[in-house]
Protein backbone atom coordinates (compact mmCIF):
# COMPACT_ATOMS: atom_id res chain seq x y z
CA MET A 1 -17.19 29.93 -97.27
CA THR A 2 -13.91 29.28 -95.24
CA ALA A 3 -13.64 25.77 -94.34
CA PRO A 4 -13.60 25.25 -90.79
CA MET A 5 -10.24 25.15 -89.07
CA THR A 6 -9.47 21.58 -87.08
CA ASP A 7 -7.62 21.10 -83.69
CA PHE A 8 -5.66 18.11 -84.00
CA VAL A 9 -5.91 16.80 -80.44
CA LEU A 10 -4.02 14.11 -78.02
CA GLU A 11 -5.33 13.14 -74.78
CA ILE A 12 -3.38 11.55 -72.01
CA ALA A 13 -4.44 9.75 -69.06
CA TYR A 14 -3.09 8.67 -65.99
CA GLU A 15 -3.53 7.94 -62.39
CA SER A 16 -3.45 11.66 -60.77
CA ASP A 17 0.02 12.02 -59.09
CA PRO A 18 2.34 14.98 -58.59
CA GLU A 19 5.19 12.97 -60.08
CA THR A 20 3.33 12.03 -63.27
CA ASP A 21 2.20 15.34 -63.78
CA GLU A 22 5.88 16.83 -64.05
CA ASP A 23 6.45 13.93 -66.39
CA VAL A 24 3.94 14.42 -68.62
CA GLN A 25 4.45 17.93 -68.59
CA ALA A 26 8.27 17.86 -69.25
CA ARG A 27 7.58 15.49 -72.40
CA LEU A 28 4.77 17.99 -73.84
CA TYR A 29 7.43 20.75 -73.55
CA LEU A 30 9.39 18.70 -75.91
CA THR A 31 6.78 18.88 -78.70
CA PRO A 32 5.54 21.08 -80.84
CA SER A 33 1.83 21.16 -78.90
CA THR A 34 0.32 24.74 -79.12
CA GLY A 35 -1.02 24.42 -75.40
CA ASN A 36 -3.11 21.86 -73.23
CA VAL A 37 -5.40 21.79 -70.42
CA SER A 38 -6.08 18.98 -67.70
CA SER A 39 -9.06 17.77 -65.64
CA GLU A 40 -9.29 15.44 -62.77
CA ALA A 41 -12.34 12.85 -62.30
CA GLY A 42 -12.69 9.57 -60.13
CA GLY A 43 -8.60 9.85 -59.13
CA ARG A 44 -7.53 10.28 -63.11
CA THR A 45 -6.06 13.19 -64.84
CA THR A 46 -6.61 13.92 -68.33
CA VAL A 47 -4.23 16.23 -69.88
CA THR A 48 -5.94 17.50 -73.90
CA ALA A 49 -2.74 18.73 -75.72
CA PHE A 50 -3.89 20.78 -79.03
CA PHE A 51 -1.33 20.71 -82.31
CA ASP A 52 -1.30 22.35 -85.89
CA SER A 53 -1.54 19.25 -87.45
CA ALA A 54 -1.80 15.40 -87.68
CA ALA A 55 2.18 14.56 -88.47
CA ALA A 56 2.56 16.84 -85.24
CA ARG A 57 0.41 15.24 -83.06
CA SER A 58 1.93 11.61 -84.00
CA ALA A 59 5.05 12.75 -83.34
CA ALA A 60 4.48 13.43 -80.10
CA MET A 61 2.62 10.39 -79.48
CA ALA A 62 5.92 8.75 -79.85
CA LEU A 63 6.95 10.23 -76.67
CA PHE A 64 4.08 8.85 -74.67
CA ALA A 65 4.54 5.45 -75.63
CA GLY A 66 3.30 3.05 -73.00
CA MET A 67 0.73 5.92 -71.67
CA ASP A 68 -2.82 5.82 -72.16
CA VAL A 69 -3.45 8.50 -75.15
CA ARG A 70 -6.09 9.07 -77.63
CA PRO A 71 -5.63 10.98 -80.45
CA ASP A 72 -8.94 12.85 -82.00
CA ASP A 73 -9.56 15.25 -84.21
CA ARG A 74 -12.07 18.20 -83.72
CA GLU A 75 -13.44 21.59 -85.37
CA ARG A 76 -11.98 24.35 -83.80
CA VAL A 77 -14.23 26.79 -82.09
CA ASP A 78 -13.85 30.40 -82.94
CA TRP A 79 -14.29 32.20 -79.62
CA LEU A 80 -14.10 35.08 -80.99
CA ASP A 81 -16.91 35.02 -83.29
CA ARG A 82 -18.91 33.45 -80.37
CA TYR A 83 -18.31 36.41 -78.25
CA ASP A 84 -19.36 38.77 -80.93
CA GLN A 85 -22.58 36.77 -81.29
CA SER A 86 -23.05 37.06 -77.58
CA LEU A 87 -23.15 40.91 -77.54
CA LYS A 88 -26.41 42.77 -77.68
CA ALA A 89 -28.09 45.98 -76.56
CA LEU A 90 -29.56 45.99 -73.08
CA SER A 91 -32.54 48.46 -72.24
CA ILE A 92 -32.72 49.91 -68.81
CA GLY A 93 -35.56 51.39 -67.30
CA ARG A 94 -37.89 53.70 -69.49
CA SER A 95 -35.85 55.56 -71.68
CA PHE A 96 -31.98 53.94 -71.87
CA VAL A 97 -30.21 51.26 -74.10
CA VAL A 98 -26.69 50.50 -73.00
CA ALA A 99 -24.54 48.32 -75.42
CA PRO A 100 -20.52 47.50 -75.90
CA ASP A 101 -21.20 48.79 -79.81
CA PRO A 102 -23.59 51.27 -81.66
CA ARG A 103 -23.98 49.19 -84.11
CA LEU A 104 -25.86 46.81 -81.96
CA ILE A 105 -28.73 49.86 -81.26
CA ALA A 106 -31.33 49.79 -83.84
CA THR A 107 -31.57 52.53 -86.44
CA GLY A 108 -34.17 55.08 -84.97
CA ASP A 109 -34.15 53.62 -81.64
CA ARG A 110 -34.57 57.42 -79.97
CA ARG A 111 -33.63 56.28 -76.54
CA HIS A 112 -30.86 57.43 -74.51
CA ARG A 113 -27.77 55.95 -75.75
CA ILE A 114 -24.90 54.59 -73.43
CA ILE A 115 -21.64 53.05 -75.38
CA VAL A 116 -19.90 50.90 -72.51
CA PRO A 117 -17.68 47.87 -73.81
CA GLN A 118 -19.21 44.70 -72.26
CA GLU A 119 -15.71 42.96 -70.78
CA GLN A 120 -15.06 46.51 -68.51
CA ALA A 121 -15.24 45.48 -64.47
CA PHE A 122 -16.20 49.04 -63.52
CA GLY A 123 -19.94 48.87 -64.76
CA THR A 124 -21.58 47.90 -67.74
CA GLY A 125 -25.41 48.57 -66.85
CA SER A 126 -25.69 44.77 -66.42
CA HIS A 127 -25.73 44.56 -62.86
CA GLU A 128 -28.65 45.41 -61.06
CA THR A 129 -27.29 48.25 -58.84
CA THR A 130 -26.37 50.39 -61.89
CA ALA A 131 -29.58 49.42 -63.33
CA LEU A 132 -31.47 50.71 -60.43
CA CYS A 133 -29.62 54.16 -60.15
CA ILE A 134 -29.95 54.86 -64.17
CA GLU A 135 -33.84 54.11 -63.22
CA MET A 136 -33.99 55.83 -60.14
CA LEU A 137 -32.17 58.76 -62.13
CA GLU A 138 -34.86 58.68 -64.35
CA TRP A 139 -37.67 60.02 -61.65
CA ILE A 140 -35.36 62.78 -61.15
CA ASP A 141 -35.31 66.10 -62.70
CA VAL A 142 -31.95 66.14 -63.53
CA ARG A 143 -32.07 69.30 -66.07
CA GLY A 144 -29.78 71.94 -65.33
CA ARG A 145 -28.41 70.50 -62.13
CA ARG A 146 -24.75 69.62 -61.45
CA GLY A 147 -24.04 66.20 -60.66
CA LEU A 148 -21.54 64.13 -58.83
CA ASP A 149 -21.05 60.44 -59.19
CA ILE A 150 -19.10 59.05 -56.32
CA GLY A 151 -16.43 55.71 -57.22
CA SER A 152 -17.94 56.06 -60.93
CA GLY A 153 -16.08 53.54 -62.23
CA SER A 154 -16.65 53.08 -65.69
CA GLY A 155 -18.42 56.22 -65.63
CA ILE A 156 -21.75 55.01 -66.74
CA LEU A 157 -23.82 56.98 -64.09
CA ALA A 158 -22.26 60.31 -65.06
CA ILE A 159 -23.01 59.85 -68.53
CA ALA A 160 -26.62 58.99 -67.68
CA MET A 161 -27.02 62.24 -65.77
CA LEU A 162 -25.23 64.29 -68.82
CA ARG A 163 -27.87 62.43 -71.32
CA LEU A 164 -30.76 63.31 -68.72
CA GLY A 165 -29.62 66.94 -68.76
CA ALA A 166 -27.66 67.15 -66.22
CA SER A 167 -25.52 70.92 -66.87
CA LYS A 168 -22.11 69.28 -65.42
CA VAL A 169 -21.01 66.09 -63.89
CA ILE A 170 -18.06 65.40 -62.23
CA ALA A 171 -17.03 61.92 -61.68
CA PHE A 172 -13.95 60.24 -59.95
CA ASP A 173 -12.53 56.98 -58.08
CA ASN A 174 -10.30 56.15 -55.96
CA ASP A 175 -8.92 53.22 -58.08
CA PRO A 176 -6.04 53.88 -60.62
CA ASP A 177 -7.24 51.39 -62.96
CA ALA A 178 -10.50 53.20 -63.15
CA PHE A 179 -9.43 56.33 -65.12
CA GLY A 180 -8.77 54.80 -68.39
CA PRO A 181 -12.55 53.38 -68.66
CA MET A 182 -13.56 56.69 -67.24
CA ARG A 183 -12.11 58.50 -70.16
CA ASP A 184 -12.41 56.11 -72.57
CA ASN A 185 -16.10 55.70 -72.09
CA ALA A 186 -16.83 60.08 -72.16
CA MET A 187 -14.58 60.17 -75.53
CA ARG A 188 -17.03 56.98 -77.11
CA ASN A 189 -20.26 58.75 -75.57
CA HIS A 190 -18.82 62.29 -77.19
CA VAL A 191 -19.49 63.78 -73.49
CA ASP A 192 -17.46 66.38 -71.56
CA MET A 193 -17.10 65.74 -67.97
CA PRO A 194 -14.34 66.46 -65.26
CA LEU A 195 -12.76 63.21 -64.37
CA PHE A 196 -10.18 62.41 -61.66
CA ILE A 197 -8.92 59.66 -59.45
CA GLY A 198 -8.47 60.64 -55.78
CA SER A 199 -11.04 61.19 -52.75
CA LEU A 200 -13.74 63.67 -51.75
CA ASP A 201 -11.16 66.20 -50.10
CA ALA A 202 -10.21 66.73 -53.55
CA LEU A 203 -13.11 68.73 -54.39
CA ARG A 204 -12.24 71.66 -51.84
CA GLY A 205 -15.87 72.48 -51.18
CA GLY A 206 -18.76 72.66 -53.78
CA ARG A 207 -22.20 71.40 -53.73
CA PHE A 208 -24.03 69.52 -56.18
CA GLY A 209 -27.80 68.75 -56.82
CA ILE A 210 -27.66 65.29 -57.75
CA ILE A 211 -25.29 62.95 -56.15
CA THR A 212 -24.85 59.47 -57.49
CA MET A 213 -22.72 56.57 -55.00
CA ASN A 214 -22.88 52.87 -56.50
CA ILE A 215 -20.38 51.26 -54.07
CA LEU A 216 -20.63 49.03 -50.93
CA PRO A 217 -22.23 50.16 -47.54
CA GLU A 218 -18.50 49.51 -45.81
CA VAL A 219 -17.60 52.46 -48.14
CA ILE A 220 -20.65 54.69 -48.43
CA ILE A 221 -21.80 55.07 -44.68
CA PRO A 222 -18.00 56.06 -43.54
CA LEU A 223 -18.06 58.53 -46.15
CA LEU A 224 -21.82 59.98 -45.81
CA PRO A 225 -20.96 62.86 -43.40
CA VAL A 226 -18.74 64.45 -46.06
CA VAL A 227 -20.77 63.57 -48.67
CA MET A 228 -23.63 65.53 -47.12
CA GLY A 229 -21.39 68.69 -47.06
CA HIS A 230 -21.52 68.28 -51.03
CA ALA A 231 -24.98 67.37 -51.46
CA SER A 232 -27.72 69.90 -52.25
CA GLY A 233 -30.90 67.83 -53.52
CA ASP A 234 -30.95 64.33 -54.48
CA LEU A 235 -28.68 61.63 -52.97
CA VAL A 236 -28.74 58.25 -54.93
CA LEU A 237 -27.41 55.57 -52.98
CA SER A 238 -26.60 52.29 -54.50
CA GLY A 239 -24.44 48.92 -54.62
CA ILE A 240 -26.42 47.56 -51.03
CA LEU A 241 -27.77 44.37 -50.09
CA THR A 242 -31.21 44.36 -48.82
CA THR A 243 -29.92 43.06 -45.37
CA ARG A 244 -27.97 46.54 -44.92
CA ARG A 245 -30.77 48.92 -46.12
CA ASP A 246 -31.70 49.75 -42.48
CA ASP A 247 -28.03 50.27 -41.59
CA VAL A 248 -27.51 52.77 -44.37
CA ILE A 249 -30.50 54.87 -43.88
CA ARG A 250 -29.92 54.99 -40.13
CA ALA A 251 -26.08 56.17 -40.96
CA ALA A 252 -28.32 58.96 -43.37
CA VAL A 253 -29.07 61.29 -40.63
CA HIS A 254 -29.27 64.35 -41.89
CA ALA A 255 -31.15 62.96 -45.24
CA THR A 256 -35.02 62.08 -45.90
CA LEU A 257 -35.17 58.74 -47.63
CA LYS A 258 -37.84 59.75 -50.44
CA ASP A 259 -37.90 56.71 -52.54
CA GLU A 260 -36.43 53.15 -52.87
CA ALA A 261 -36.18 50.05 -55.07
CA THR A 262 -35.21 46.49 -55.02
CA ARG A 263 -33.87 44.04 -57.29
CA GLY A 264 -32.96 40.85 -56.42
CA GLU A 265 -30.69 40.91 -53.12
CA TRP A 266 -30.12 44.59 -53.92
CA TRP A 267 -31.76 47.88 -52.85
CA CYS A 268 -31.39 51.34 -54.20
CA GLY A 269 -32.23 54.59 -52.18
CA ARG A 270 -32.63 57.98 -53.03
CA PHE A 271 -32.69 60.57 -50.38
CA GLN A 272 -33.38 64.40 -50.16
CA VAL A 273 -30.73 66.61 -48.26
């Protein structure tokens, strides 16, 4: 068993003052400190500096003679290990399990699997709006239909449509940073889907039996007239606070609300176009 590692810590406390802040940081720069953090409470600042050895810390203490300093030995926290232990598979709806690593899904689990790294900011399934969309898709007969995921982010909704039997799904986003996660998640999940960075104009026609938009009403509402021109079936809208529900319904003038669901402060609606 590996022995726990130790951080050799030096706490430096003083009355909060910009000049003293600079002085302390300047002195720390002359030491072999591996890093430091600062906190303030009751008008006093405490700088916690970390060292790899007691000798290095002792040498640093000499530079702070006359100041309020306190040495301390602490067991080093393995934050990567803690993060790994926090990862878990997430059950969504009746038939989906989403996980950052396939090893987290129990052997023999027959639910639809979607693998999406938890650190991605573009949609991991943990947010209510994404879960609402996936659950809404479960109630739709997706088999053999063409899908379009607008503002796809991680691509999780496009992957969900393909898992449910869609014949083809196009995913796109207008954020260039989303392309990497979309591409990588398509590969992770062994799905083939056209994806691009751009706008609806790039489609140049074409109609889709299922369209998902998990964005914000400020984005959804202006796009709806163009989206309707590509819709021929089900339109699932999410990313919408319950307080904006009526605004979105009014904007969807050429569609009929067929189903809706809420979770916390979020609303999701399925329209027939």
